[in-house]
């Protein structure tokens, strides 16, 4: 590896497809304090953010390389005063642009300006169908605000896309969540059960649903699908820990997805910074082309040469790519191991034991269990100090 963390790709350049989906995490600042946030737990240690000119340069380079879809995310991207300027540039470059937002800060004046700027799509997050639970999970009073934003999104004729992260606190509300979505005129509802990265991993014991909750919720979703048809599309994502096979994380490492963190670090997935021993190149020092094709970080888990057994000889490896590297690290201590949610993994029983222990802790309401850790600067600093 060179000092810059760049090398020749382990696959030939001609066999590496260009990135199609560019996610720019404009800032890690956020007015919400969600207990399942995928942002790095140590986000408070790094306040650096790329400038407007640097983000524009990133967008231009990625578009030249082949990226077609552009997501503005965070934190809360609406906290960037230059968001409209970036949307204008995204439209000029020919991207399909998507704003992923909590809705906090989306006034009518601002959504009108975004419409004029050419924004194609808005994905709005809710935490629950009830004001009490929504506001508890974010440690903010935002339910009424989000409801007003949903009305604005419809008023300005955007496709109504709603995201609700599910876990044991709100899985039993799935019926009401779908009803809320129907009343809002939602065209696409993503019910994504919590994946245990970032703050979700910190709060895993609190968030873990029961098998019974998942079965009931999935049955309700299927019933609505049958009854309402194409009126609303509902995606229901089961948490990995309850599956027998891993998901094809990001459709393969360094295959389709390119994320740029607020400080300019280029990542093959949202949680990749949790992997030790990888030097994630920064767009302030390296071109997007060199990062995508030549960085050690993006080449590390491309293809299958890195795989151990049982993945190495598994006929399903071209379907799931061995699962999630961050999850393999978190649960086995080695990112090159098979994702242990897979029943073929030697560590699969340990995942089942984690689920069992979480349920036991919930039933007994152990007084010595770790309290819920909301995503706050103070908690980020505290948890980072423990890990250092």
Protein backbone atom coordinates (compact mmCIF):
# COMPACT_ATOMS: atom_id res chain seq x y z
CA UNK A 1 0.00 0.00 0.00
CA UNK A 2 1.28 3.44 -0.86
CA UNK A 3 1.31 6.28 1.61
CA UNK A 4 -1.82 7.57 -0.06
CA UNK A 5 -3.66 4.29 0.43
CA UNK A 6 -3.91 3.75 -3.34
CA UNK A 7 -2.82 0.69 -5.27
CA UNK A 8 -3.67 -1.37 -8.30
CA UNK A 9 -7.17 -2.88 -8.06
CA UNK A 10 -7.43 -6.56 -7.12
CA UNK A 11 -9.85 -6.87 -10.04
CA UNK A 12 -9.04 -5.48 -13.46
CA UNK A 13 -10.35 -1.97 -13.92
CA UNK A 14 -12.50 -3.15 -16.82
CA UNK A 15 -14.36 -5.55 -14.51
CA UNK A 16 -15.19 -2.83 -11.95
CA UNK A 17 -18.43 -1.07 -12.82
CA UNK A 18 -18.66 2.66 -12.09
CA UNK A 19 -20.63 3.85 -9.06
CA UNK A 20 -24.30 4.45 -9.81
CA UNK A 21 -25.55 5.78 -6.45
CA UNK A 22 -23.75 8.73 -4.81
CA UNK A 23 -24.78 9.57 -1.24
CA UNK A 24 -23.41 12.81 0.15
CA UNK A 25 -23.68 13.01 3.94
CA UNK A 26 -23.51 16.79 4.04
CA UNK A 27 -23.32 17.09 7.82
CA UNK A 28 -23.53 14.98 10.98
CA UNK A 29 -25.34 17.83 12.74
CA UNK A 30 -28.92 16.87 13.49
CA UNK A 31 -31.75 18.27 15.63
CA UNK A 32 -32.98 14.74 16.44
CA UNK A 33 -31.43 12.27 18.88
CA UNK A 34 -32.65 8.95 17.47
CA UNK A 35 -31.57 5.86 19.37
CA UNK A 36 -31.10 3.84 16.15
CA UNK A 37 -29.19 6.40 14.05
CA UNK A 38 -26.65 4.81 11.70
CA UNK A 39 -24.22 7.75 11.99
CA UNK A 40 -20.90 6.95 13.65
CA UNK A 41 -21.08 6.85 17.43
CA UNK A 42 -17.99 9.06 17.60
CA UNK A 43 -19.37 11.72 15.23
CA UNK A 44 -18.81 14.49 17.83
CA UNK A 45 -15.04 14.01 17.53
CA UNK A 46 -15.08 15.34 13.98
CA UNK A 47 -16.94 18.53 13.11
CA UNK A 48 -15.26 19.01 9.73
CA UNK A 49 -17.56 19.51 6.74
CA UNK A 50 -16.70 19.95 3.09
CA UNK A 51 -17.30 23.39 1.63
CA UNK A 52 -19.87 24.12 -1.05
CA UNK A 53 -17.16 24.17 -3.71
CA UNK A 54 -15.78 20.83 -2.53
CA UNK A 55 -19.23 19.17 -2.62
CA UNK A 56 -19.82 20.53 -6.12
CA UNK A 57 -16.48 19.09 -7.22
CA UNK A 58 -17.39 15.70 -5.73
CA UNK A 59 -20.70 15.70 -7.59
CA UNK A 60 -19.05 16.62 -10.89
CA UNK A 61 -16.36 13.96 -10.57
CA UNK A 62 -18.82 11.21 -9.64
CA UNK A 63 -21.15 12.15 -12.49
CA UNK A 64 -18.26 12.01 -14.94
CA UNK A 65 -17.46 8.56 -13.62
CA UNK A 66 -21.04 7.37 -14.21
CA UNK A 67 -23.08 8.05 -11.04
CA UNK A 68 -26.73 8.72 -11.89
CA UNK A 69 -28.55 9.02 -8.56
CA UNK A 70 -27.62 11.59 -5.93
CA UNK A 71 -28.82 11.49 -2.35
CA UNK A 72 -28.49 14.39 0.09
CA UNK A 73 -28.29 13.00 3.60
CA UNK A 74 -26.76 13.58 7.02
CA UNK A 75 -27.35 14.14 9.94
CA UNK A 76 -29.94 16.57 8.75
CA UNK A 77 -29.02 18.00 5.32
CA UNK A 78 -31.44 20.92 5.78
CA UNK A 79 -28.95 22.37 8.26
CA UNK A 80 -26.72 23.21 5.31
CA UNK A 81 -27.55 26.69 4.02
CA UNK A 82 -26.13 25.75 0.62
CA UNK A 83 -28.45 22.79 0.05
CA UNK A 84 -30.46 24.55 -2.65
CA UNK A 85 -27.25 25.52 -4.44
CA UNK A 86 -26.14 21.88 -4.42
CA UNK A 87 -29.54 20.76 -5.74
CA UNK A 88 -29.22 23.20 -8.63
CA UNK A 89 -25.82 21.75 -9.49
CA UNK A 90 -27.14 18.20 -9.20
CA UNK A 91 -29.94 18.98 -11.66
CA UNK A 92 -27.52 20.73 -14.04
CA UNK A 93 -25.27 17.66 -14.02
CA UNK A 94 -28.18 15.36 -14.84
CA UNK A 95 -28.56 13.49 -11.55
CA UNK A 96 -31.83 12.18 -10.18
CA UNK A 97 -31.78 13.97 -6.82
CA UNK A 98 -33.17 12.73 -3.53
CA UNK A 99 -33.43 14.53 -0.18
CA UNK A 100 -33.42 12.23 2.87
CA UNK A 101 -34.73 14.29 5.77
CA UNK A 102 -36.37 14.38 9.17
CA UNK A 103 -38.36 17.35 7.89
CA UNK A 104 -37.02 19.66 10.58
CA UNK A 105 -36.28 22.95 8.84
CA UNK A 106 -38.38 22.28 5.73
CA UNK A 107 -40.56 25.38 5.55
CA UNK A 108 -42.87 26.22 2.66
CA UNK A 109 -40.43 28.85 1.44
CA UNK A 110 -37.64 26.33 1.39
CA UNK A 111 -39.54 23.52 -0.31
CA UNK A 112 -40.64 26.00 -2.98
CA UNK A 113 -37.01 26.96 -3.58
CA UNK A 114 -36.02 23.30 -3.77
CA UNK A 115 -38.78 22.67 -6.28
CA UNK A 116 -37.47 25.54 -8.38
CA UNK A 117 -33.92 24.21 -7.98
CA UNK A 118 -35.00 20.90 -9.51
CA UNK A 119 -35.13 18.49 -6.57
CA UNK A 120 -36.76 15.26 -7.78
CA UNK A 121 -37.63 13.37 -4.63
CA UNK A 122 -38.04 13.75 -0.86
CA UNK A 123 -37.93 10.89 1.64
CA UNK A 124 -39.42 11.88 4.98
CA UNK A 125 -38.80 9.97 8.21
CA UNK A 126 -41.28 9.36 11.00
CA UNK A 127 -40.47 7.38 14.11
CA UNK A 128 -44.01 6.24 14.94
CA UNK A 129 -47.70 6.85 14.27
CA UNK A 130 -48.18 8.37 17.73
CA UNK A 131 -46.90 11.71 18.91
CA UNK A 132 -45.77 10.25 22.24
CA UNK A 133 -43.58 7.50 20.79
CA UNK A 134 -42.28 9.55 17.87
CA UNK A 135 -41.13 12.29 20.22
CA UNK A 136 -39.71 9.84 22.76
CA UNK A 137 -37.57 8.01 20.19
CA UNK A 138 -36.07 11.26 18.91
CA UNK A 139 -35.98 12.99 22.31
CA UNK A 140 -37.59 15.97 20.55
CA UNK A 141 -41.09 17.34 19.97
CA UNK A 142 -41.28 16.90 16.21
CA UNK A 143 -44.36 14.81 15.39
CA UNK A 144 -46.61 17.78 14.61
CA UNK A 145 -43.85 19.42 12.58
CA UNK A 146 -43.33 16.23 10.53
CA UNK A 147 -47.08 16.06 9.88
CA UNK A 148 -47.03 19.60 8.51
CA UNK A 149 -44.02 18.75 6.32
CA UNK A 150 -45.87 15.72 4.92
CA UNK A 151 -48.67 18.07 3.87
CA UNK A 152 -46.15 20.38 2.18
CA UNK A 153 -44.59 17.49 0.27
CA UNK A 154 -48.00 16.59 -1.15
CA UNK A 155 -48.81 20.24 -1.86
CA UNK A 156 -45.68 20.60 -3.98
CA UNK A 157 -46.52 17.36 -5.81
CA UNK A 158 -43.53 15.32 -4.79
CA UNK A 159 -43.80 11.53 -4.70
CA UNK A 160 -44.75 10.86 -1.07
CA UNK A 161 -42.10 8.52 0.35
CA UNK A 162 -42.20 7.73 4.05
CA UNK A 163 -39.58 5.87 6.06
CA UNK A 164 -40.22 4.40 9.50
CA UNK A 165 -37.50 2.46 11.32
CA UNK A 166 -39.05 -0.43 13.24
CA UNK A 167 -38.01 -2.07 16.51
CA UNK A 168 -39.67 -3.50 19.60
CA UNK A 169 -41.03 -0.11 20.70
CA UNK A 170 -43.14 0.46 17.58
CA UNK A 171 -43.54 -2.90 15.79
CA UNK A 172 -46.91 -3.38 17.44
CA UNK A 173 -48.03 -0.09 15.86
CA UNK A 174 -47.52 -1.23 12.26
CA UNK A 175 -51.27 -1.21 11.57
CA UNK A 176 -51.54 2.42 12.73
CA UNK A 177 -48.36 3.39 10.87
CA UNK A 178 -49.80 2.08 7.60
CA UNK A 179 -53.09 3.83 8.29
CA UNK A 180 -51.20 7.08 8.90
CA UNK A 181 -49.35 6.61 5.61
CA UNK A 182 -52.61 6.02 3.72
CA UNK A 183 -54.16 9.15 5.25
CA UNK A 184 -51.11 11.17 4.18
CA UNK A 185 -51.37 9.90 0.61
CA UNK A 186 -48.04 8.09 0.78
CA UNK A 187 -47.12 6.27 -2.44
CA UNK A 188 -44.16 4.36 -1.00
CA UNK A 189 -43.74 3.25 2.62
CA UNK A 190 -40.45 1.78 3.80
CA UNK A 191 -40.78 -0.17 7.04
CA UNK A 192 -37.15 -0.91 7.76
CA UNK A 193 -36.48 -2.93 10.89
CA UNK A 194 -33.46 -1.62 12.76
CA UNK A 195 -30.08 -2.80 11.51
CA UNK A 196 -27.55 -2.85 14.33
CA UNK A 197 -24.86 -0.35 13.34
CA UNK A 198 -23.86 2.92 14.93
CA UNK A 199 -26.33 3.94 17.63
CA UNK A 200 -28.52 0.96 16.81
CA UNK A 201 -25.70 -1.34 17.94
CA UNK A 202 -25.23 0.65 21.15
CA UNK A 203 -28.96 0.27 21.92
CA UNK A 204 -29.39 -3.23 20.51
CA UNK A 205 -30.65 -4.84 23.72
CA UNK A 206 -33.40 -2.22 23.98
CA UNK A 207 -34.41 -2.31 20.32
CA UNK A 208 -34.45 -6.07 19.64
CA UNK A 209 -38.00 -7.18 18.77
CA UNK A 210 -39.45 -10.58 19.58
CA UNK A 211 -40.09 -13.25 16.96
CA UNK A 212 -43.80 -12.91 17.73
CA UNK A 213 -43.76 -9.16 17.07
CA UNK A 214 -42.08 -9.67 13.70
CA UNK A 215 -44.54 -12.38 12.65
CA UNK A 216 -47.54 -10.25 13.61
CA UNK A 217 -46.15 -7.17 11.86
CA UNK A 218 -45.32 -9.06 8.67
CA UNK A 219 -48.81 -10.60 8.61
CA UNK A 220 -50.36 -7.13 8.95
CA UNK A 221 -48.18 -5.79 6.13
CA UNK A 222 -49.14 -8.68 3.84
CA UNK A 223 -52.82 -8.15 4.65
CA UNK A 224 -52.60 -4.47 3.69
CA UNK A 225 -50.72 -5.32 0.51
CA UNK A 226 -53.53 -7.66 -0.50
CA UNK A 227 -56.27 -5.14 0.36
CA UNK A 228 -54.92 -1.86 -1.00
CA UNK A 229 -52.96 -3.16 -3.98
CA UNK A 230 -50.99 -0.50 -5.83
CA UNK A 231 -52.45 2.38 -3.82
CA UNK A 232 -49.34 2.19 -1.65
CA UNK A 233 -46.17 0.16 -2.05
CA UNK A 234 -44.94 -1.22 1.25
CA UNK A 235 -41.40 -2.48 1.76
CA UNK A 236 -40.88 -4.51 4.93
CA UNK A 237 -37.23 -5.21 5.80
CA UNK A 238 -36.69 -7.95 8.39
CA UNK A 239 -33.74 -7.39 10.78
CA UNK A 240 -30.71 -9.47 9.84
CA UNK A 241 -30.50 -11.20 13.20
CA UNK A 242 -33.74 -13.06 12.46
CA UNK A 243 -32.73 -14.29 9.00
CA UNK A 244 -31.03 -17.50 7.86
CA UNK A 245 -29.15 -15.80 5.03
CA UNK A 246 -27.41 -12.41 4.97
CA UNK A 247 -28.49 -9.51 2.81
CA UNK A 248 -26.37 -8.50 -0.15
CA UNK A 249 -24.96 -5.48 1.65
CA UNK A 250 -24.87 -2.45 -0.70
CA UNK A 251 -25.20 -4.92 -3.61
CA UNK A 252 -21.57 -5.80 -3.05
CA UNK A 253 -18.65 -3.85 -1.60
CA UNK A 254 -17.55 -1.10 -3.99
CA UNK A 255 -19.98 -2.29 -6.66
CA UNK A 256 -22.74 0.33 -6.89
CA UNK A 257 -22.70 2.60 -3.85
CA UNK A 258 -20.36 5.47 -2.99
CA UNK A 259 -20.86 7.49 0.19
CA UNK A 260 -18.96 10.65 1.02
CA UNK A 261 -18.99 11.51 4.73
CA UNK A 262 -19.29 15.08 5.96
CA UNK A 263 -15.51 15.40 6.35
CA UNK A 264 -14.85 14.07 2.83
CA UNK A 265 -14.03 10.46 3.70
CA UNK A 266 -15.10 8.14 0.87
CA UNK A 267 -16.89 5.01 2.07
CA UNK A 268 -18.21 1.83 0.38
CA UNK A 269 -21.09 1.72 2.91
CA UNK A 270 -22.57 3.92 5.65
CA UNK A 271 -20.87 2.12 8.53
CA UNK A 272 -17.52 1.31 6.94
CA UNK A 273 -15.57 3.61 9.26
CA UNK A 274 -16.13 1.04 12.01
CA UNK A 275 -13.70 -1.30 10.23
CA UNK A 276 -10.16 -1.08 11.64
CA UNK A 277 -7.05 -1.18 9.50
CA UNK A 278 -8.59 0.49 6.46
CA UNK A 279 -7.42 3.89 5.29
CA UNK A 280 -10.50 5.55 3.82
CA UNK A 281 -9.25 8.15 1.35
CA UNK A 282 -10.53 11.70 1.49
CA UNK A 283 -11.87 13.53 -1.54
CA UNK A 284 -9.84 16.58 -0.50
CA UNK A 285 -6.66 14.64 -1.30
CA UNK A 286 -7.70 12.13 -3.98
CA UNK A 287 -9.87 12.08 -7.07
CA UNK A 288 -13.10 10.11 -7.08
CA UNK A 289 -11.73 8.01 -9.95
CA UNK A 290 -8.61 7.01 -8.01
CA UNK A 291 -10.66 6.33 -4.88
CA UNK A 292 -13.16 4.12 -6.70
CA UNK A 293 -10.69 2.11 -8.77
CA UNK A 294 -7.42 2.20 -6.83
CA UNK A 295 -7.99 2.75 -3.11
CA UNK A 296 -7.16 -0.15 -0.82
CA UNK A 297 -10.37 0.52 1.10
CA UNK A 298 -12.67 0.07 -1.90
CA UNK A 299 -10.72 -2.92 -3.24
CA UNK A 300 -10.43 -4.75 0.07
CA UNK A 301 -13.66 -6.75 -0.20
CA UNK A 302 -14.35 -6.62 -3.93
CA UNK A 303 -14.75 -9.88 -5.72
CA UNK A 304 -14.30 -13.06 -3.66
CA UNK A 305 -10.53 -13.49 -3.31
CA UNK A 306 -10.74 -12.20 0.29
CA UNK A 307 -13.32 -14.74 1.35
CA UNK A 308 -12.80 -17.48 3.92
CA UNK A 309 -14.83 -20.63 4.26
CA UNK A 310 -17.75 -21.21 4.22
CA UNK A 311 -18.18 -18.25 1.84
CA UNK A 312 -15.26 -19.14 -0.42
CA UNK A 313 -16.91 -22.27 -1.82
CA UNK A 314 -20.53 -21.30 -1.18
CA UNK A 315 -22.74 -21.35 -4.31
CA UNK A 316 -24.67 -18.38 -2.90
CA UNK A 317 -21.66 -16.04 -2.65
CA UNK A 318 -22.53 -14.31 -5.93
CA UNK A 319 -25.97 -13.57 -4.49
CA UNK A 320 -25.12 -12.25 -1.02
CA UNK A 321 -21.37 -11.47 -1.40
CA UNK A 322 -20.73 -12.96 2.04
CA UNK A 323 -23.08 -10.50 3.73
CA UNK A 324 -22.09 -7.39 5.68
CA UNK A 325 -18.43 -6.76 6.56
CA UNK A 326 -19.31 -4.35 9.38
CA UNK A 327 -21.66 -6.90 10.91
CA UNK A 328 -19.05 -9.64 10.59
CA UNK A 329 -16.60 -7.45 12.49
CA UNK A 330 -19.09 -6.42 15.17
CA UNK A 331 -20.17 -10.00 15.87
CA UNK A 332 -17.03 -12.06 15.22
CA UNK A 333 -14.12 -9.62 15.54
CA UNK A 334 -12.98 -10.26 11.94
CA UNK A 335 -14.48 -8.40 8.99
CA UNK A 336 -13.38 -11.16 6.60
CA UNK A 337 -15.50 -13.81 8.31
CA UNK A 338 -18.86 -14.89 6.96
CA UNK A 339 -21.65 -12.63 8.14
CA UNK A 340 -22.79 -14.62 11.20
CA UNK A 341 -26.47 -14.04 10.54
CA UNK A 342 -25.99 -16.76 7.91
CA UNK A 343 -26.88 -20.22 9.20
CA UNK A 344 -23.79 -21.58 7.44
CA UNK A 345 -21.52 -19.44 9.61
CA UNK A 346 -19.74 -21.18 12.51
CA UNK A 347 -20.74 -18.16 14.63
CA UNK A 348 -24.46 -18.26 13.77
CA UNK A 349 -25.34 -19.68 17.19
CA UNK A 350 -23.78 -16.60 18.78
CA UNK A 351 -26.26 -14.37 16.94
CA UNK A 352 -29.11 -16.50 18.21
CA UNK A 353 -27.67 -16.16 21.72
CA UNK A 354 -27.53 -12.35 21.38
CA UNK A 355 -31.23 -12.35 20.50
CA UNK A 356 -32.02 -14.66 23.41
CA UNK A 357 -30.10 -12.54 25.90
CA UNK A 358 -31.76 -9.35 24.65
CA UNK A 359 -35.18 -10.88 25.14
CA UNK A 360 -34.25 -12.18 28.58
CA UNK A 361 -33.02 -8.73 29.60
CA UNK A 362 -36.24 -7.12 28.35
CA UNK A 363 -38.42 -9.61 30.22
CA UNK A 364 -36.57 -9.25 33.49
CA UNK A 365 -36.13 -5.47 33.14
CA UNK A 366 -32.69 -5.81 34.66
CA UNK A 367 -31.85 -2.81 36.77
CA UNK A 368 -28.17 -3.06 35.89
CA UNK A 369 -28.69 -3.08 32.13
CA UNK A 370 -27.27 -0.16 30.14
CA UNK A 371 -29.78 2.70 29.80
CA UNK A 372 -30.93 3.90 26.39
CA UNK A 373 -28.26 6.08 24.81
CA UNK A 374 -29.76 8.87 22.74
CA UNK A 375 -27.70 10.29 19.89
CA UNK A 376 -26.32 13.40 21.59
CA UNK A 377 -22.97 15.15 21.52
CA UNK A 378 -22.43 14.34 25.19
CA UNK A 379 -23.12 10.63 24.67
CA UNK A 380 -20.96 10.57 21.56
CA UNK A 381 -18.02 12.03 23.48
CA UNK A 382 -18.61 9.69 26.42
CA UNK A 383 -18.80 6.55 24.30
CA UNK A 384 -15.78 7.58 22.25
CA UNK A 385 -13.75 8.05 25.44
CA UNK A 386 -14.66 4.51 26.56
CA UNK A 387 -13.47 3.07 23.24
CA UNK A 388 -10.19 4.97 23.21
